[in-house]
């Protein structure tokens, strides 16, 4: 093999092989990252056609669509136990976007179920926000006793108000505003 034809000969040897086949897993990963960085810099803010030209862009799109149609679609299928465990580990504790420094682990007091039932009865099985009446609880529609100050251990009757499940999920945002609003409702209801 002469130096003049070296590039062409190497291209023939590499043709149809993956980076892993050519360089091994570790080196292939490094090469992939380098290529990805170069491509993302070159392509930033540009369409595929602007970056690679019309013909190359269309070929790339065809290859991608063919590749993605060959991949198994997980829609309606179950992940393996191993995969479920991996997903779970990746979103535990501080890795979870809903993490609040362990605050969500706070439990309710031992008598909260009894108190919750009394609060629903006091409020006549009606959500104090949307005014829906729900006497029969189902998995989709049910009433909760909401802690106005968001402290699960403060079970004084003046700190609890009946909300339906939908409204209870809404009031977990802008908590300070909801606390003021519900305290006003409690004052108004005590005046009547």
C-alpha atoms as a PDB file:
ATOM      1  CA  UNK A   1       0.000   0.000   0.000  1.00  0.00           C
ATOM      2  CA  UNK A   2       1.541   3.312  -1.052  1.00  0.00           C
ATOM      3  CA  UNK A   3       1.125   6.528   0.906  1.00  0.00           C
ATOM      4  CA  UNK A   4      -0.675   7.972  -2.093  1.00  0.00           C
ATOM      5  CA  UNK A   5      -3.507   5.392  -1.822  1.00  0.00           C
ATOM      6  CA  UNK A   6      -3.404   5.005   1.945  1.00  0.00           C
ATOM      7  CA  UNK A   7      -6.525   7.100   2.616  1.00  0.00           C
ATOM      8  CA  UNK A   8      -8.588   5.280   0.018  1.00  0.00           C
ATOM      9  CA  UNK A   9      -7.438   1.869   1.233  1.00  0.00           C
ATOM     10  CA  UNK A  10      -8.267   2.729   4.862  1.00  0.00           C
ATOM     11  CA  UNK A  11     -11.695   3.991   3.812  1.00  0.00           C
ATOM     12  CA  UNK A  12     -12.355   0.619   2.117  1.00  0.00           C
ATOM     13  CA  UNK A  13     -11.323  -1.263   5.271  1.00  0.00           C
ATOM     14  CA  UNK A  14     -13.556   0.899   7.492  1.00  0.00           C
ATOM     15  CA  UNK A  15     -16.595   0.868   5.226  1.00  0.00           C
ATOM     16  CA  UNK A  16     -19.685  -0.585   6.884  1.00  0.00           C
ATOM     17  CA  UNK A  17     -18.056  -0.919  10.326  1.00  0.00           C
ATOM     18  CA  UNK A  18     -19.078   0.910  13.474  1.00  0.00           C
ATOM     19  CA  UNK A  19     -16.713   2.965  15.630  1.00  0.00           C
ATOM     20  CA  UNK A  20     -16.932   0.225  18.274  1.00  0.00           C
ATOM     21  CA  UNK A  21     -15.807  -2.423  15.781  1.00  0.00           C
ATOM     22  CA  UNK A  22     -12.952  -0.209  14.642  1.00  0.00           C
ATOM     23  CA  UNK A  23     -11.695   1.326  17.894  1.00  0.00           C
ATOM     24  CA  UNK A  24     -13.311  -0.492  20.827  1.00  0.00           C
ATOM     25  CA  UNK A  25     -16.004   0.836  23.199  1.00  0.00           C
ATOM     26  CA  UNK A  26     -13.959   3.388  25.156  1.00  0.00           C
ATOM     27  CA  UNK A  27     -12.265   5.033  22.166  1.00  0.00           C
ATOM     28  CA  UNK A  28     -15.520   4.968  20.157  1.00  0.00           C
ATOM     29  CA  UNK A  29     -17.269   6.881  22.938  1.00  0.00           C
ATOM     30  CA  UNK A  30     -14.531   9.548  22.949  1.00  0.00           C
ATOM     31  CA  UNK A  31     -14.684   9.907  19.149  1.00  0.00           C
ATOM     32  CA  UNK A  32     -18.487  10.149  19.273  1.00  0.00           C
ATOM     33  CA  UNK A  33     -18.319  12.989  21.822  1.00  0.00           C
ATOM     34  CA  UNK A  34     -15.770  14.901  19.715  1.00  0.00           C
ATOM     35  CA  UNK A  35     -17.871  14.555  16.584  1.00  0.00           C
ATOM     36  CA  UNK A  36     -21.013  15.576  18.462  1.00  0.00           C
ATOM     37  CA  UNK A  37     -19.314  18.773  19.746  1.00  0.00           C
ATOM     38  CA  UNK A  38     -18.035  19.708  16.286  1.00  0.00           C
ATOM     39  CA  UNK A  39     -21.407  19.078  14.660  1.00  0.00           C
ATOM     40  CA  UNK A  40     -23.356  21.018  17.289  1.00  0.00           C
ATOM     41  CA  UNK A  41     -20.979  24.034  16.928  1.00  0.00           C
ATOM     42  CA  UNK A  42     -21.178  23.938  13.140  1.00  0.00           C
ATOM     43  CA  UNK A  43     -24.928  23.452  13.090  1.00  0.00           C
ATOM     44  CA  UNK A  44     -25.983  25.854  15.861  1.00  0.00           C
ATOM     45  CA  UNK A  45     -28.959  27.885  14.649  1.00  0.00           C
ATOM     46  CA  UNK A  46     -28.890  26.350  11.169  1.00  0.00           C
ATOM     47  CA  UNK A  47     -31.152  23.897   9.416  1.00  0.00           C
ATOM     48  CA  UNK A  48     -29.740  20.584   8.222  1.00  0.00           C
ATOM     49  CA  UNK A  49     -29.854  21.857   4.654  1.00  0.00           C
ATOM     50  CA  UNK A  50     -27.791  24.945   5.575  1.00  0.00           C
ATOM     51  CA  UNK A  51     -25.216  22.827   7.391  1.00  0.00           C
ATOM     52  CA  UNK A  52     -24.774  19.908   4.995  1.00  0.00           C
ATOM     53  CA  UNK A  53     -26.468  20.841   1.754  1.00  0.00           C
ATOM     54  CA  UNK A  54     -29.772  19.642   0.363  1.00  0.00           C
ATOM     55  CA  UNK A  55     -28.739  16.145  -0.750  1.00  0.00           C
ATOM     56  CA  UNK A  56     -26.780  15.201   2.394  1.00  0.00           C
ATOM     57  CA  UNK A  57     -29.532  16.540   4.636  1.00  0.00           C
ATOM     58  CA  UNK A  58     -32.194  14.472   2.852  1.00  0.00           C
ATOM     59  CA  UNK A  59     -30.018  11.332   3.049  1.00  0.00           C
ATOM     60  CA  UNK A  60     -29.447  11.873   6.778  1.00  0.00           C
ATOM     61  CA  UNK A  61     -33.170  12.373   7.383  1.00  0.00           C
ATOM     62  CA  UNK A  62     -34.003   9.171   5.472  1.00  0.00           C
ATOM     63  CA  UNK A  63     -31.448   7.171   7.467  1.00  0.00           C
ATOM     64  CA  UNK A  64     -32.754   8.577  10.757  1.00  0.00           C
ATOM     65  CA  UNK A  65     -36.384   7.857   9.957  1.00  0.00           C
ATOM     66  CA  UNK A  66     -35.489   4.325   8.835  1.00  0.00           C
ATOM     67  CA  UNK A  67     -33.443   3.754  12.005  1.00  0.00           C
ATOM     68  CA  UNK A  68     -36.182   5.055  14.326  1.00  0.00           C
ATOM     69  CA  UNK A  69     -38.876   2.986  12.592  1.00  0.00           C
ATOM     70  CA  UNK A  70     -36.757  -0.138  13.153  1.00  0.00           C
ATOM     71  CA  UNK A  71     -36.407   0.530  16.879  1.00  0.00           C
ATOM     72  CA  UNK A  72     -38.900  -1.120  19.175  1.00  0.00           C
ATOM     73  CA  UNK A  73     -41.564   1.265  20.389  1.00  0.00           C
ATOM     74  CA  UNK A  74     -42.195   0.996  24.149  1.00  0.00           C
ATOM     75  CA  UNK A  75     -45.718   2.426  23.886  1.00  0.00           C
ATOM     76  CA  UNK A  76     -48.090  -0.017  25.560  1.00  0.00           C
ATOM     77  CA  UNK A  77     -45.242  -2.292  26.671  1.00  0.00           C
ATOM     78  CA  UNK A  78     -43.700  -2.790  30.078  1.00  0.00           C
ATOM     79  CA  UNK A  79     -40.123  -2.069  31.078  1.00  0.00           C
ATOM     80  CA  UNK A  80     -38.147  -4.869  32.684  1.00  0.00           C
ATOM     81  CA  UNK A  81     -37.766  -4.885  36.466  1.00  0.00           C
ATOM     82  CA  UNK A  82     -34.093  -4.035  36.028  1.00  0.00           C
ATOM     83  CA  UNK A  83     -34.957  -0.953  33.930  1.00  0.00           C
ATOM     84  CA  UNK A  84     -37.681   0.132  36.367  1.00  0.00           C
ATOM     85  CA  UNK A  85     -35.206  -0.095  39.228  1.00  0.00           C
ATOM     86  CA  UNK A  86     -32.646   1.937  37.255  1.00  0.00           C
ATOM     87  CA  UNK A  87     -35.237   4.666  36.501  1.00  0.00           C
ATOM     88  CA  UNK A  88     -36.226   4.716  40.164  1.00  0.00           C
ATOM     89  CA  UNK A  89     -32.625   5.074  41.352  1.00  0.00           C
ATOM     90  CA  UNK A  90     -32.028   7.911  38.902  1.00  0.00           C
ATOM     91  CA  UNK A  91     -34.884   9.950  40.402  1.00  0.00           C
ATOM     92  CA  UNK A  92     -34.521   9.243  44.118  1.00  0.00           C
ATOM     93  CA  UNK A  93     -34.084  11.910  46.752  1.00  0.00           C
ATOM     94  CA  UNK A  94     -32.282  15.064  45.656  1.00  0.00           C
ATOM     95  CA  UNK A  95     -32.135  13.792  42.036  1.00  0.00           C
ATOM     96  CA  UNK A  96     -35.921  14.148  41.794  1.00  0.00           C
ATOM     97  CA  UNK A  97     -37.170  17.485  40.410  1.00  0.00           C
ATOM     98  CA  UNK A  98     -39.890  17.571  43.101  1.00  0.00           C
ATOM     99  CA  UNK A  99     -37.359  17.205  45.929  1.00  0.00           C
ATOM    100  CA  UNK A 100     -37.915  19.633  48.803  1.00  0.00           C
ATOM    101  CA  UNK A 101     -35.047  18.679  51.084  1.00  0.00           C
ATOM    102  CA  UNK A 102     -36.790  15.627  52.568  1.00  0.00           C
ATOM    103  CA  UNK A 103     -39.887  17.587  53.552  1.00  0.00           C
ATOM    104  CA  UNK A 104     -42.186  15.316  51.538  1.00  0.00           C
ATOM    105  CA  UNK A 105     -41.262  12.473  53.908  1.00  0.00           C
ATOM    106  CA  UNK A 106     -43.172  14.169  56.734  1.00  0.00           C
ATOM    107  CA  UNK A 107     -45.950  11.876  57.810  1.00  0.00           C
ATOM    108  CA  UNK A 108     -49.388  12.670  59.107  1.00  0.00           C
ATOM    109  CA  UNK A 109     -50.255  12.301  62.770  1.00  0.00           C
ATOM    110  CA  UNK A 110     -51.708   8.995  63.957  1.00  0.00           C
ATOM    111  CA  UNK A 111     -55.272  10.389  64.224  1.00  0.00           C
ATOM    112  CA  UNK A 112     -55.379  12.295  60.931  1.00  0.00           C
ATOM    113  CA  UNK A 113     -57.860   9.918  59.224  1.00  0.00           C
ATOM    114  CA  UNK A 114     -60.393  10.490  61.980  1.00  0.00           C
ATOM    115  CA  UNK A 115     -59.851  14.257  61.944  1.00  0.00           C
ATOM    116  CA  UNK A 116     -60.020  14.314  58.130  1.00  0.00           C
ATOM    117  CA  UNK A 117     -63.425  12.622  58.210  1.00  0.00           C
ATOM    118  CA  UNK A 118     -64.662  15.146  60.799  1.00  0.00           C
ATOM    119  CA  UNK A 119     -63.470  18.044  58.615  1.00  0.00           C
ATOM    120  CA  UNK A 120     -65.287  16.669  55.552  1.00  0.00           C
ATOM    121  CA  UNK A 121     -68.460  16.333  57.637  1.00  0.00           C
ATOM    122  CA  UNK A 122     -68.015  19.873  59.064  1.00  0.00           C
ATOM    123  CA  UNK A 123     -67.709  21.270  55.517  1.00  0.00           C
ATOM    124  CA  UNK A 124     -70.742  19.258  54.362  1.00  0.00           C
ATOM    125  CA  UNK A 125     -68.715  17.133  51.880  1.00  0.00           C
ATOM    126  CA  UNK A 126     -68.130  20.168  49.695  1.00  0.00           C
ATOM    127  CA  UNK A 127     -64.864  21.438  48.222  1.00  0.00           C
ATOM    128  CA  UNK A 128     -64.315  24.950  49.567  1.00  0.00           C
ATOM    129  CA  UNK A 129     -62.592  26.058  46.374  1.00  0.00           C
ATOM    130  CA  UNK A 130     -64.694  24.793  43.449  1.00  0.00           C
ATOM    131  CA  UNK A 131     -67.819  24.142  45.578  1.00  0.00           C
ATOM    132  CA  UNK A 132     -68.251  20.587  44.248  1.00  0.00           C
ATOM    133  CA  UNK A 133     -70.234  18.246  46.484  1.00  0.00           C
ATOM    134  CA  UNK A 134     -68.750  14.724  46.747  1.00  0.00           C
ATOM    135  CA  UNK A 135     -70.431  12.428  49.253  1.00  0.00           C
ATOM    136  CA  UNK A 136     -69.267   9.142  47.658  1.00  0.00           C
ATOM    137  CA  UNK A 137     -65.495   8.933  47.298  1.00  0.00           C
ATOM    138  CA  UNK A 138     -63.949   7.230  44.261  1.00  0.00           C
ATOM    139  CA  UNK A 139     -60.353   6.831  43.077  1.00  0.00           C
ATOM    140  CA  UNK A 140     -60.820   9.733  40.656  1.00  0.00           C
ATOM    141  CA  UNK A 141     -63.039  11.986  42.769  1.00  0.00           C
ATOM    142  CA  UNK A 142     -62.441  12.334  46.472  1.00  0.00           C
ATOM    143  CA  UNK A 143     -62.231  14.955  49.182  1.00  0.00           C
ATOM    144  CA  UNK A 144     -59.195  15.704  51.296  1.00  0.00           C
ATOM    145  CA  UNK A 145     -58.626  17.684  54.457  1.00  0.00           C
ATOM    146  CA  UNK A 146     -56.077  20.280  53.357  1.00  0.00           C
ATOM    147  CA  UNK A 147     -53.640  21.833  55.853  1.00  0.00           C
ATOM    148  CA  UNK A 148     -53.915  25.593  55.315  1.00  0.00           C
ATOM    149  CA  UNK A 149     -50.420  26.263  56.684  1.00  0.00           C
ATOM    150  CA  UNK A 150     -49.020  23.187  54.849  1.00  0.00           C
ATOM    151  CA  UNK A 151     -47.813  21.715  58.152  1.00  0.00           C
ATOM    152  CA  UNK A 152     -49.034  18.108  58.216  1.00  0.00           C
ATOM    153  CA  UNK A 153     -48.745  17.951  62.000  1.00  0.00           C
ATOM    154  CA  UNK A 154     -50.934  21.003  62.677  1.00  0.00           C
ATOM    155  CA  UNK A 155     -54.344  19.340  62.855  1.00  0.00           C
ATOM    156  CA  UNK A 156     -56.310  22.104  64.546  1.00  0.00           C
ATOM    157  CA  UNK A 157     -59.759  22.434  62.995  1.00  0.00           C
ATOM    158  CA  UNK A 158     -59.069  26.063  62.064  1.00  0.00           C
ATOM    159  CA  UNK A 159     -56.061  24.886  59.992  1.00  0.00           C
ATOM    160  CA  UNK A 160     -57.970  22.269  57.977  1.00  0.00           C
ATOM    161  CA  UNK A 161     -60.289  22.822  55.041  1.00  0.00           C
ATOM    162  CA  UNK A 162     -62.039  20.416  52.667  1.00  0.00           C
ATOM    163  CA  UNK A 163     -60.804  20.307  49.064  1.00  0.00           C
ATOM    164  CA  UNK A 164     -61.455  17.924  46.204  1.00  0.00           C
ATOM    165  CA  UNK A 165     -58.446  16.033  44.844  1.00  0.00           C
ATOM    166  CA  UNK A 166     -58.207  18.309  41.787  1.00  0.00           C
ATOM    167  CA  UNK A 167     -58.197  21.544  43.813  1.00  0.00           C
ATOM    168  CA  UNK A 168     -55.816  20.064  46.380  1.00  0.00           C
ATOM    169  CA  UNK A 169     -53.224  19.508  43.643  1.00  0.00           C
ATOM    170  CA  UNK A 170     -53.686  23.083  42.384  1.00  0.00           C
ATOM    171  CA  UNK A 171     -53.014  24.679  45.780  1.00  0.00           C
ATOM    172  CA  UNK A 172     -49.546  23.133  46.085  1.00  0.00           C
ATOM    173  CA  UNK A 173     -48.222  26.080  44.058  1.00  0.00           C
ATOM    174  CA  UNK A 174     -48.123  29.732  45.232  1.00  0.00           C
ATOM    175  CA  UNK A 175     -48.587  28.430  48.761  1.00  0.00           C
ATOM    176  CA  UNK A 176     -48.367  31.809  50.519  1.00  0.00           C
ATOM    177  CA  UNK A 177     -51.251  33.190  48.435  1.00  0.00           C
ATOM    178  CA  UNK A 178     -53.415  30.119  49.083  1.00  0.00           C
ATOM    179  CA  UNK A 179     -52.670  30.265  52.808  1.00  0.00           C
ATOM    180  CA  UNK A 180     -53.962  33.871  52.941  1.00  0.00           C
ATOM    181  CA  UNK A 181     -56.998  32.952  50.829  1.00  0.00           C
ATOM    182  CA  UNK A 182     -57.984  29.932  52.949  1.00  0.00           C
ATOM    183  CA  UNK A 183     -57.448  31.770  56.235  1.00  0.00           C
ATOM    184  CA  UNK A 184     -59.886  34.426  54.974  1.00  0.00           C
ATOM    185  CA  UNK A 185     -62.427  31.708  54.073  1.00  0.00           C
ATOM    186  CA  UNK A 186     -62.094  30.226  57.573  1.00  0.00           C
ATOM    187  CA  UNK A 187     -62.596  33.646  59.214  1.00  0.00           C
ATOM    188  CA  UNK A 188     -65.625  34.333  57.003  1.00  0.00           C
ATOM    189  CA  UNK A 189     -67.160  30.918  57.768  1.00  0.00           C
ATOM    190  CA  UNK A 190     -66.654  31.433  61.526  1.00  0.00           C
ATOM    191  CA  UNK A 191     -68.435  34.795  61.315  1.00  0.00           C
ATOM    192  CA  UNK A 192     -71.557  33.144  59.848  1.00  0.00           C
END
